Amino acid sequence: MLEWVAAAVAAGGTAVVQAAGTDAWSLVRQRVARVLSRDDPERERTELMRLDQTATDLASLAPGEAALIRARQEAAWAARFEMLLESLGEAERERVARELNDIADQARQASVGGVSGNVFRGPAAFQIGDHNRQDNHFGPGA
């Protein structure tokens, strides 16, 4: 398998796990089911049930098992995407791989979290992300 296709497969598996339980879940869930079902309504329903089960499993994780179960879920979904891509012709494989990358981008954005609707009056400091440091000094002696 081409390296960029393998990366899309991995990104798709990660996207499913990242999006579960976030605001992006319903859209990611729908897009993943559509990609995997290949326009077959019955298969789409089956994929939606699998995705729902994944979300349920991820929501009920005990802290000690979270990393292992998340890794297993990512691998399982990546394997499903890989089997799909291997069954497609080159042009369709490229289109689906791009779709998986788009879904992964959407899931990443949701996992970082969005910020909107804020109003700041006067001095303000705002930061999002993990493991950041921010030192702010306001006033005359700053």
Protein backbone atom coordinates (compact mmCIF):
# COMPACT_ATOMS: atom_id res chain seq x y z
CA MET A 1 0.00 0.00 0.00
CA LEU A 2 1.24 3.48 -0.81
CA GLU A 3 2.59 5.45 2.12
CA TRP A 4 0.05 8.28 1.82
CA VAL A 5 -2.81 5.77 1.62
CA ALA A 6 -1.51 4.03 4.74
CA ALA A 7 -1.39 7.42 6.46
CA ALA A 8 -5.01 8.10 5.45
CA VAL A 9 -6.05 4.69 6.84
CA ALA A 10 -4.37 5.43 10.17
CA ALA A 11 -5.82 8.94 10.25
CA GLY A 12 -9.29 7.55 9.67
CA GLY A 13 -8.97 5.09 12.54
CA THR A 14 -7.73 7.82 14.84
CA ALA A 15 -10.52 10.17 13.70
CA VAL A 16 -13.24 7.76 14.79
CA VAL A 17 -11.74 7.45 18.27
CA GLN A 18 -10.97 11.17 18.61
CA ALA A 19 -14.44 12.28 17.55
CA ALA A 20 -16.39 9.90 19.78
CA GLY A 21 -17.94 11.90 22.59
CA THR A 22 -17.23 15.30 21.01
CA ASP A 23 -19.43 17.82 19.24
CA ALA A 24 -18.05 16.52 15.94
CA TRP A 25 -19.21 12.94 16.54
CA SER A 26 -22.52 13.08 14.69
CA LEU A 27 -20.96 14.49 11.53
CA VAL A 28 -17.86 12.25 11.67
CA ARG A 29 -20.07 9.24 12.39
CA GLN A 30 -22.28 9.99 9.38
CA ARG A 31 -19.34 10.60 7.04
CA VAL A 32 -17.53 7.41 8.11
CA ALA A 33 -20.69 5.33 7.67
CA ARG A 34 -21.23 6.82 4.22
CA VAL A 35 -17.63 6.10 3.16
CA LEU A 36 -17.75 2.50 4.36
CA SER A 37 -21.23 1.72 3.07
CA ARG A 38 -20.50 2.65 -0.55
CA ASP A 39 -24.05 3.97 -1.08
CA ASP A 40 -25.74 0.86 0.28
CA PRO A 41 -28.41 1.95 2.82
CA GLU A 42 -28.40 -1.39 4.66
CA ARG A 43 -24.61 -1.34 5.02
CA GLU A 44 -24.80 2.27 6.17
CA ARG A 45 -27.19 1.29 8.98
CA THR A 46 -24.80 -1.51 9.97
CA GLU A 47 -21.83 0.87 10.00
CA LEU A 48 -23.79 3.39 12.08
CA MET A 49 -24.52 0.65 14.63
CA ARG A 50 -20.81 -0.28 14.74
CA LEU A 51 -19.87 3.36 15.22
CA ASP A 52 -22.44 3.73 18.00
CA GLN A 53 -21.02 0.67 19.73
CA THR A 54 -17.53 2.16 19.47
CA ALA A 55 -18.72 5.42 21.02
CA THR A 56 -20.44 3.50 23.83
CA ASP A 57 -17.34 1.41 24.49
CA LEU A 58 -15.11 4.49 24.58
CA ALA A 59 -17.47 6.38 26.88
CA SER A 60 -17.40 3.64 29.50
CA LEU A 61 -13.64 3.13 29.80
CA ALA A 62 -11.97 2.71 33.14
CA PRO A 63 -8.88 4.94 33.47
CA GLY A 64 -6.46 2.02 33.52
CA GLU A 65 -7.76 0.52 30.29
CA ALA A 66 -8.37 3.69 28.26
CA ALA A 67 -5.12 3.75 26.28
CA LEU A 68 -5.29 0.08 25.32
CA ILE A 69 -8.96 0.13 24.28
CA ARG A 70 -8.53 3.37 22.34
CA ALA A 71 -5.54 1.87 20.49
CA ARG A 72 -7.52 -1.29 19.70
CA GLN A 73 -10.45 0.74 18.40
CA GLU A 74 -8.15 2.86 16.22
CA ALA A 75 -6.55 -0.28 14.80
CA ALA A 76 -9.92 -1.93 14.15
CA TRP A 77 -11.28 1.08 12.27
CA ALA A 78 -8.02 1.50 10.37
CA ALA A 79 -8.28 -2.15 9.28
CA ARG A 80 -11.82 -1.54 8.00
CA PHE A 81 -10.62 1.47 6.01
CA GLU A 82 -7.65 -0.48 4.67
CA MET A 83 -9.87 -3.33 3.44
CA LEU A 84 -12.14 -0.81 1.74
CA LEU A 85 -9.27 1.01 0.02
CA GLU A 86 -7.71 -2.24 -1.16
CA SER A 87 -10.98 -3.14 -2.87
CA LEU A 88 -11.13 0.09 -4.89
CA GLY A 89 -9.60 1.17 -8.16
CA GLU A 90 -6.84 3.77 -8.08
CA ALA A 91 -8.98 6.86 -8.75
CA GLU A 92 -11.63 5.86 -6.23
CA ARG A 93 -8.95 4.90 -3.68
CA GLU A 94 -7.48 8.39 -3.94
CA ARG A 95 -10.88 10.03 -3.51
CA VAL A 96 -11.73 7.92 -0.44
CA ALA A 97 -8.26 8.49 1.06
CA ARG A 98 -8.78 12.25 0.69
CA GLU A 99 -12.18 11.88 2.36
CA LEU A 100 -10.57 10.00 5.28
CA ASN A 101 -8.02 12.79 5.66
CA ASP A 102 -10.82 15.37 5.65
CA ILE A 103 -12.69 13.41 8.32
CA ALA A 104 -9.48 13.20 10.37
CA ASP A 105 -8.97 16.97 10.11
CA GLN A 106 -12.52 17.50 11.32
CA ALA A 107 -12.00 15.19 14.29
CA ARG A 108 -8.69 16.86 15.21
CA GLN A 109 -10.29 20.28 15.20
CA ALA A 110 -13.06 19.04 17.48
CA SER A 111 -10.61 17.43 19.90
CA VAL A 112 -8.67 20.68 20.25
CA GLY A 113 -11.89 22.50 20.96
CA GLY A 114 -13.27 25.59 19.46
CA VAL A 115 -13.58 29.00 20.97
CA SER A 116 -16.32 31.34 19.91
CA GLY A 117 -18.75 33.88 21.23
CA ASN A 118 -16.38 35.49 23.72
CA VAL A 119 -16.32 39.16 24.62
CA PHE A 120 -13.33 40.68 26.40
CA ARG A 121 -13.50 44.15 27.93
CA GLY A 122 -10.21 45.39 29.25
CA PRO A 123 -7.06 43.34 29.71
CA ALA A 124 -7.51 39.70 28.86
CA ALA A 125 -5.44 36.60 28.32
CA PHE A 126 -6.78 33.56 26.58
CA GLN A 127 -5.09 30.31 25.66
CA ILE A 128 -6.17 26.88 24.50
CA GLY A 129 -4.15 23.70 24.11
CA ASP A 130 -2.31 21.21 26.22
CA HIS A 131 0.90 21.59 28.21
CA ASN A 132 1.21 25.31 27.47
CA ARG A 133 2.66 28.04 29.60
CA GLN A 134 1.45 31.59 29.58
CA ASP A 135 2.70 34.40 31.83
CA ASN A 136 0.60 37.57 31.75
CA HIS A 137 1.19 40.80 33.59
CA PHE A 138 -1.38 43.57 33.46
CA GLY A 139 -1.19 47.03 34.89
CA PRO A 140 1.36 49.80 35.29
CA GLY A 141 4.22 47.63 36.51
CA ALA A 142 3.89 45.02 33.78
